[in-house]
Amino acid sequence: MTAKKKKTGARGKYAEWITDEGLIKIEGWARDGLTDEQIAGNIGISRSTLNEWKKKYSDISDSLKRGKEVVDRQVENALLKRALGYQYDEVTRELGDKLNPETGEFEEVLMVTKTVTKEVAPDTTAQIFWLKNRKPNEWRDRKDIEHSGGIATHNPFEGLTEEQLRKLADGK
C-alpha cells in the first residue's frame, strides 16, 4: 500500500501569505519597490500564480496596492518638488573649543559655523514629464488629427485593360 504524497509548491502555499505576517511582508516588498515578478519570486511562486492569488484573495491584492501607493506618492511628491524647484538649508559644522564651566578646561565640540539657504532651480525635464502625464491632451508630442470627408484621386488609366496598358507602355 502506498501513501499519497502531499503536494508541494504553490498549492496551499497561499495560506501562509494571507496571515497578518505574510501580508505585512508582501506590503513591505511592494513599498520597497519590488515588482510583482520579484515579489512572486520571494514567495516562491510564479508571476501568474501571484496574479491568480490577487484575483482570488483580496487581502493579497490590497496589501500590494497599499505598499505600492506609499512609494508612488513619495515619487510623485519628489517629482513635483523637482519640477517646481525648492530651497533647503545647508548647515556647516566645524570642531571648536568651548570652556567647560565645571572643569575650567577647554573641550572640543562640534559647532555650527554657518547656515546657508540654497535653491534648487526648477527642472524642465521633470516639468515636461509631469505635464505629458497629467495633461496629455495638451502636452503629448503626438497630436491626433481627424479627417472628415473623402480623398479624391484621379487615375487616368483607370478602367484600361492590361493589354491596353501594355500598348501604352510600349509606346504603340
C-alpha atoms as a PDB file:
ATOM      1  CA  MET A   1       0.000   0.000   0.000  1.00  0.00           C
ATOM      2  CA  THR A   2       1.391   3.394  -0.967  1.00  0.00           C
ATOM      3  CA  ALA A   3       0.701   6.545   0.926  1.00  0.00           C
ATOM      4  CA  LYS A   4      -0.349   9.599  -1.023  1.00  0.00           C
ATOM      5  CA  LYS A   5       2.323  12.262  -1.058  1.00  0.00           C
ATOM      6  CA  LYS A   6       1.299  15.722  -0.049  1.00  0.00           C
ATOM      7  CA  LYS A   7       1.590  18.103  -2.988  1.00  0.00           C
ATOM      8  CA  THR A   8       4.114  20.843  -2.529  1.00  0.00           C
ATOM      9  CA  GLY A   9       4.596  24.032  -4.461  1.00  0.00           C
ATOM     10  CA  ALA A  10       2.087  26.829  -4.906  1.00  0.00           C
ATOM     11  CA  ARG A  11      -0.942  24.734  -3.925  1.00  0.00           C
ATOM     12  CA  GLY A  12      -1.861  25.512  -0.352  1.00  0.00           C
ATOM     13  CA  LYS A  13       1.064  27.898  -0.074  1.00  0.00           C
ATOM     14  CA  TYR A  14      -1.281  30.895  -0.120  1.00  0.00           C
ATOM     15  CA  ALA A  15      -2.380  30.098   3.445  1.00  0.00           C
ATOM     16  CA  GLU A  16       0.882  31.364   4.950  1.00  0.00           C
ATOM     17  CA  TRP A  17       0.671  34.533   2.876  1.00  0.00           C
ATOM     18  CA  ILE A  18      -2.860  35.541   3.849  1.00  0.00           C
ATOM     19  CA  THR A  19      -1.825  35.736   7.504  1.00  0.00           C
ATOM     20  CA  ASP A  20      -1.116  39.133   9.068  1.00  0.00           C
ATOM     21  CA  GLU A  21       2.622  38.425   8.985  1.00  0.00           C
ATOM     22  CA  GLY A  22       2.571  37.285   5.346  1.00  0.00           C
ATOM     23  CA  LEU A  23       0.527  40.279   4.218  1.00  0.00           C
ATOM     24  CA  ILE A  24       2.898  42.661   6.009  1.00  0.00           C
ATOM     25  CA  LYS A  25       5.851  41.089   4.159  1.00  0.00           C
ATOM     26  CA  ILE A  26       4.073  41.431   0.821  1.00  0.00           C
ATOM     27  CA  GLU A  27       3.166  45.056   1.537  1.00  0.00           C
ATOM     28  CA  GLY A  28       6.729  45.793   2.618  1.00  0.00           C
ATOM     29  CA  TRP A  29       8.206  44.318  -0.555  1.00  0.00           C
ATOM     30  CA  ALA A  30       5.816  46.408  -2.632  1.00  0.00           C
ATOM     31  CA  ARG A  31       6.738  49.505  -0.605  1.00  0.00           C
ATOM     32  CA  ASP A  32      10.438  48.719  -1.199  1.00  0.00           C
ATOM     33  CA  GLY A  33       9.754  48.994  -4.920  1.00  0.00           C
ATOM     34  CA  LEU A  34       9.865  45.304  -5.862  1.00  0.00           C
ATOM     35  CA  THR A  35       7.917  44.304  -8.967  1.00  0.00           C
ATOM     36  CA  ASP A  36       5.184  41.674  -8.856  1.00  0.00           C
ATOM     37  CA  GLU A  37       7.661  39.320 -10.557  1.00  0.00           C
ATOM     38  CA  GLN A  38      10.200  39.839  -7.761  1.00  0.00           C
ATOM     39  CA  ILE A  39       7.555  39.502  -5.037  1.00  0.00           C
ATOM     40  CA  ALA A  40       6.349  36.242  -6.596  1.00  0.00           C
ATOM     41  CA  GLY A  41       9.967  35.043  -6.559  1.00  0.00           C
ATOM     42  CA  ASN A  42      10.299  35.935  -2.860  1.00  0.00           C
ATOM     43  CA  ILE A  43       7.149  33.950  -2.119  1.00  0.00           C
ATOM     44  CA  GLY A  44       8.388  31.045  -4.238  1.00  0.00           C
ATOM     45  CA  ILE A  45       5.655  31.137  -6.865  1.00  0.00           C
ATOM     46  CA  SER A  46       5.323  32.220 -10.478  1.00  0.00           C
ATOM     47  CA  ARG A  47       4.066  35.625 -11.542  1.00  0.00           C
ATOM     48  CA  SER A  48       0.928  34.005 -12.999  1.00  0.00           C
ATOM     49  CA  THR A  49       0.192  32.334  -9.653  1.00  0.00           C
ATOM     50  CA  LEU A  50       0.529  35.693  -7.900  1.00  0.00           C
ATOM     51  CA  ASN A  51      -1.918  37.181 -10.417  1.00  0.00           C
ATOM     52  CA  GLU A  52      -4.394  34.384  -9.625  1.00  0.00           C
ATOM     53  CA  TRP A  53      -3.944  34.995  -5.902  1.00  0.00           C
ATOM     54  CA  LYS A  54      -4.590  38.722  -6.383  1.00  0.00           C
ATOM     55  CA  LYS A  55      -7.905  37.904  -8.066  1.00  0.00           C
ATOM     56  CA  LYS A  56      -8.873  35.217  -5.566  1.00  0.00           C
ATOM     57  CA  TYR A  57      -7.647  36.784  -2.299  1.00  0.00           C
ATOM     58  CA  SER A  58      -8.449  40.462  -1.918  1.00  0.00           C
ATOM     59  CA  ASP A  59      -6.147  40.727   1.126  1.00  0.00           C
ATOM     60  CA  ILE A  60      -3.125  39.988  -1.057  1.00  0.00           C
ATOM     61  CA  SER A  61      -4.251  42.430  -3.739  1.00  0.00           C
ATOM     62  CA  ASP A  62      -4.942  45.119  -1.125  1.00  0.00           C
ATOM     63  CA  SER A  63      -1.526  44.627   0.522  1.00  0.00           C
ATOM     64  CA  LEU A  64       0.229  45.067  -2.802  1.00  0.00           C
ATOM     65  CA  LYS A  65      -1.799  48.199  -3.582  1.00  0.00           C
ATOM     66  CA  ARG A  66      -1.120  49.713  -0.148  1.00  0.00           C
ATOM     67  CA  GLY A  67       2.610  49.073  -0.413  1.00  0.00           C
ATOM     68  CA  LYS A  68       2.894  50.472  -3.918  1.00  0.00           C
ATOM     69  CA  GLU A  69       0.763  53.507  -3.120  1.00  0.00           C
ATOM     70  CA  VAL A  70       3.176  54.727  -0.439  1.00  0.00           C
ATOM     71  CA  VAL A  71       6.179  54.649  -2.770  1.00  0.00           C
ATOM     72  CA  ASP A  72       4.189  56.014  -5.710  1.00  0.00           C
ATOM     73  CA  ARG A  73       3.162  59.019  -3.604  1.00  0.00           C
ATOM     74  CA  GLN A  74       6.733  59.609  -2.463  1.00  0.00           C
ATOM     75  CA  VAL A  75       7.987  59.551  -6.050  1.00  0.00           C
ATOM     76  CA  GLU A  76       5.147  61.809  -7.206  1.00  0.00           C
ATOM     77  CA  ASN A  77       5.968  64.284  -4.450  1.00  0.00           C
ATOM     78  CA  ALA A  78       9.691  64.200  -5.267  1.00  0.00           C
ATOM     79  CA  LEU A  79       8.979  64.702  -8.986  1.00  0.00           C
ATOM     80  CA  LEU A  80       6.678  67.638  -8.287  1.00  0.00           C
ATOM     81  CA  LYS A  81       9.199  69.166  -5.894  1.00  0.00           C
ATOM     82  CA  ARG A  82      11.935  68.821  -8.526  1.00  0.00           C
ATOM     83  CA  ALA A  83       9.686  70.240 -11.254  1.00  0.00           C
ATOM     84  CA  LEU A  84       8.853  73.330  -9.193  1.00  0.00           C
ATOM     85  CA  GLY A  85      12.258  73.831  -7.585  1.00  0.00           C
ATOM     86  CA  TYR A  86      12.844  74.184  -3.869  1.00  0.00           C
ATOM     87  CA  GLN A  87      15.050  75.635  -1.155  1.00  0.00           C
ATOM     88  CA  TYR A  88      16.973  73.878   1.588  1.00  0.00           C
ATOM     89  CA  ASP A  89      19.325  74.887   4.368  1.00  0.00           C
ATOM     90  CA  GLU A  90      22.926  73.686   4.225  1.00  0.00           C
ATOM     91  CA  VAL A  91      24.477  73.640   7.674  1.00  0.00           C
ATOM     92  CA  THR A  92      28.254  73.681   8.051  1.00  0.00           C
ATOM     93  CA  ARG A  93      29.704  72.311  11.278  1.00  0.00           C
ATOM     94  CA  GLU A  94      33.287  72.508  12.493  1.00  0.00           C
ATOM     95  CA  LEU A  95      35.142  71.494  15.597  1.00  0.00           C
ATOM     96  CA  GLY A  96      35.678  74.311  18.040  1.00  0.00           C
ATOM     97  CA  ASP A  97      36.819  74.845  21.604  1.00  0.00           C
ATOM     98  CA  LYS A  98      34.335  75.553  24.359  1.00  0.00           C
ATOM     99  CA  LEU A  99      35.095  76.255  28.000  1.00  0.00           C
ATOM    100  CA  ASN A 100      33.626  73.701  30.380  1.00  0.00           C
ATOM    101  CA  PRO A 101      32.457  75.766  33.371  1.00  0.00           C
ATOM    102  CA  GLU A 102      32.688  72.801  35.758  1.00  0.00           C
ATOM    103  CA  THR A 103      36.276  71.831  34.969  1.00  0.00           C
ATOM    104  CA  GLY A 104      37.561  75.166  33.679  1.00  0.00           C
ATOM    105  CA  GLU A 105      39.125  73.359  30.721  1.00  0.00           C
ATOM    106  CA  PHE A 106      38.516  73.786  27.024  1.00  0.00           C
ATOM    107  CA  GLU A 107      36.816  70.899  25.234  1.00  0.00           C
ATOM    108  CA  GLU A 108      36.493  70.206  21.525  1.00  0.00           C
ATOM    109  CA  VAL A 109      32.860  70.363  20.421  1.00  0.00           C
ATOM    110  CA  LEU A 110      31.077  70.301  17.085  1.00  0.00           C
ATOM    111  CA  MET A 111      29.760  73.782  16.429  1.00  0.00           C
ATOM    112  CA  VAL A 112      27.521  75.235  13.733  1.00  0.00           C
ATOM    113  CA  THR A 113      29.589  77.809  11.893  1.00  0.00           C
ATOM    114  CA  LYS A 114      27.073  78.840   9.257  1.00  0.00           C
ATOM    115  CA  THR A 115      23.717  78.055   7.716  1.00  0.00           C
ATOM    116  CA  VAL A 116      23.239  78.861   4.042  1.00  0.00           C
ATOM    117  CA  THR A 117      19.881  78.669   2.288  1.00  0.00           C
ATOM    118  CA  LYS A 118      20.402  77.094  -1.120  1.00  0.00           C
ATOM    119  CA  GLU A 119      17.987  76.949  -4.013  1.00  0.00           C
ATOM    120  CA  VAL A 120      17.481  74.129  -6.498  1.00  0.00           C
ATOM    121  CA  ALA A 121      16.179  75.531  -9.784  1.00  0.00           C
ATOM    122  CA  PRO A 122      13.045  74.019 -11.338  1.00  0.00           C
ATOM    123  CA  ASP A 123      13.859  71.100 -13.626  1.00  0.00           C
ATOM    124  CA  THR A 124      12.352  71.407 -17.104  1.00  0.00           C
ATOM    125  CA  THR A 125      12.634  67.658 -17.768  1.00  0.00           C
ATOM    126  CA  ALA A 126      10.591  66.941 -14.657  1.00  0.00           C
ATOM    127  CA  GLN A 127       8.087  69.609 -15.715  1.00  0.00           C
ATOM    128  CA  ILE A 128       7.692  68.111 -19.195  1.00  0.00           C
ATOM    129  CA  PHE A 129       7.306  64.606 -17.784  1.00  0.00           C
ATOM    130  CA  TRP A 130       4.705  65.806 -15.292  1.00  0.00           C
ATOM    131  CA  LEU A 131       2.690  67.732 -17.879  1.00  0.00           C
ATOM    132  CA  LYS A 132       2.760  64.976 -20.502  1.00  0.00           C
ATOM    133  CA  ASN A 133       1.363  62.547 -17.963  1.00  0.00           C
ATOM    134  CA  ARG A 134      -1.060  64.827 -16.145  1.00  0.00           C
ATOM    135  CA  LYS A 135      -2.342  66.768 -19.170  1.00  0.00           C
ATOM    136  CA  PRO A 136      -1.717  64.502 -22.161  1.00  0.00           C
ATOM    137  CA  ASN A 137      -4.273  66.214 -24.417  1.00  0.00           C
ATOM    138  CA  GLU A 138      -2.356  69.477 -24.198  1.00  0.00           C
ATOM    139  CA  TRP A 139       1.227  68.252 -23.797  1.00  0.00           C
ATOM    140  CA  ARG A 140       1.821  64.958 -25.578  1.00  0.00           C
ATOM    141  CA  ASP A 141       4.132  65.010 -28.583  1.00  0.00           C
ATOM    142  CA  ARG A 142       1.716  63.278 -30.921  1.00  0.00           C
ATOM    143  CA  LYS A 143      -1.484  65.057 -31.793  1.00  0.00           C
ATOM    144  CA  ASP A 144      -4.481  63.121 -33.080  1.00  0.00           C
ATOM    145  CA  ILE A 145      -5.955  64.799 -36.130  1.00  0.00           C
ATOM    146  CA  GLU A 146      -9.250  63.663 -37.547  1.00  0.00           C
ATOM    147  CA  HIS A 147     -10.081  63.953 -41.225  1.00  0.00           C
ATOM    148  CA  SER A 148     -13.644  64.011 -42.408  1.00  0.00           C
ATOM    149  CA  GLY A 149     -14.711  63.678 -45.993  1.00  0.00           C
ATOM    150  CA  GLY A 150     -13.105  61.730 -48.765  1.00  0.00           C
ATOM    151  CA  ILE A 151      -9.817  61.882 -50.537  1.00  0.00           C
ATOM    152  CA  ALA A 152     -10.256  62.352 -54.262  1.00  0.00           C
ATOM    153  CA  THR A 153      -7.808  60.724 -56.611  1.00  0.00           C
ATOM    154  CA  HIS A 154      -7.634  60.907 -60.357  1.00  0.00           C
ATOM    155  CA  ASN A 155      -6.231  57.901 -62.209  1.00  0.00           C
ATOM    156  CA  PRO A 156      -6.216  58.489 -65.984  1.00  0.00           C
ATOM    157  CA  PHE A 157      -5.512  54.782 -66.584  1.00  0.00           C
ATOM    158  CA  GLU A 158      -8.449  53.528 -64.523  1.00  0.00           C
ATOM    159  CA  GLY A 159     -10.621  51.133 -66.487  1.00  0.00           C
ATOM    160  CA  LEU A 160      -7.959  50.174 -69.033  1.00  0.00           C
ATOM    161  CA  THR A 161      -7.235  46.506 -69.580  1.00  0.00           C
ATOM    162  CA  GLU A 162      -3.818  45.003 -69.041  1.00  0.00           C
ATOM    163  CA  GLU A 163      -3.392  44.746 -72.839  1.00  0.00           C
ATOM    164  CA  GLN A 164      -4.203  48.432 -73.315  1.00  0.00           C
ATOM    165  CA  LEU A 165      -1.765  49.370 -70.536  1.00  0.00           C
ATOM    166  CA  ARG A 166       0.987  47.297 -72.188  1.00  0.00           C
ATOM    167  CA  LYS A 167       0.418  49.062 -75.532  1.00  0.00           C
ATOM    168  CA  LEU A 168       0.695  52.421 -73.812  1.00  0.00           C
ATOM    169  CA  ALA A 169       3.851  51.350 -72.028  1.00  0.00           C
ATOM    170  CA  ASP A 170       5.410  50.098 -75.264  1.00  0.00           C
ATOM    171  CA  GLY A 171       4.504  53.383 -76.960  1.00  0.00           C
ATOM    172  CA  LYS A 172       2.233  51.802 -79.612  1.00  0.00           C
END
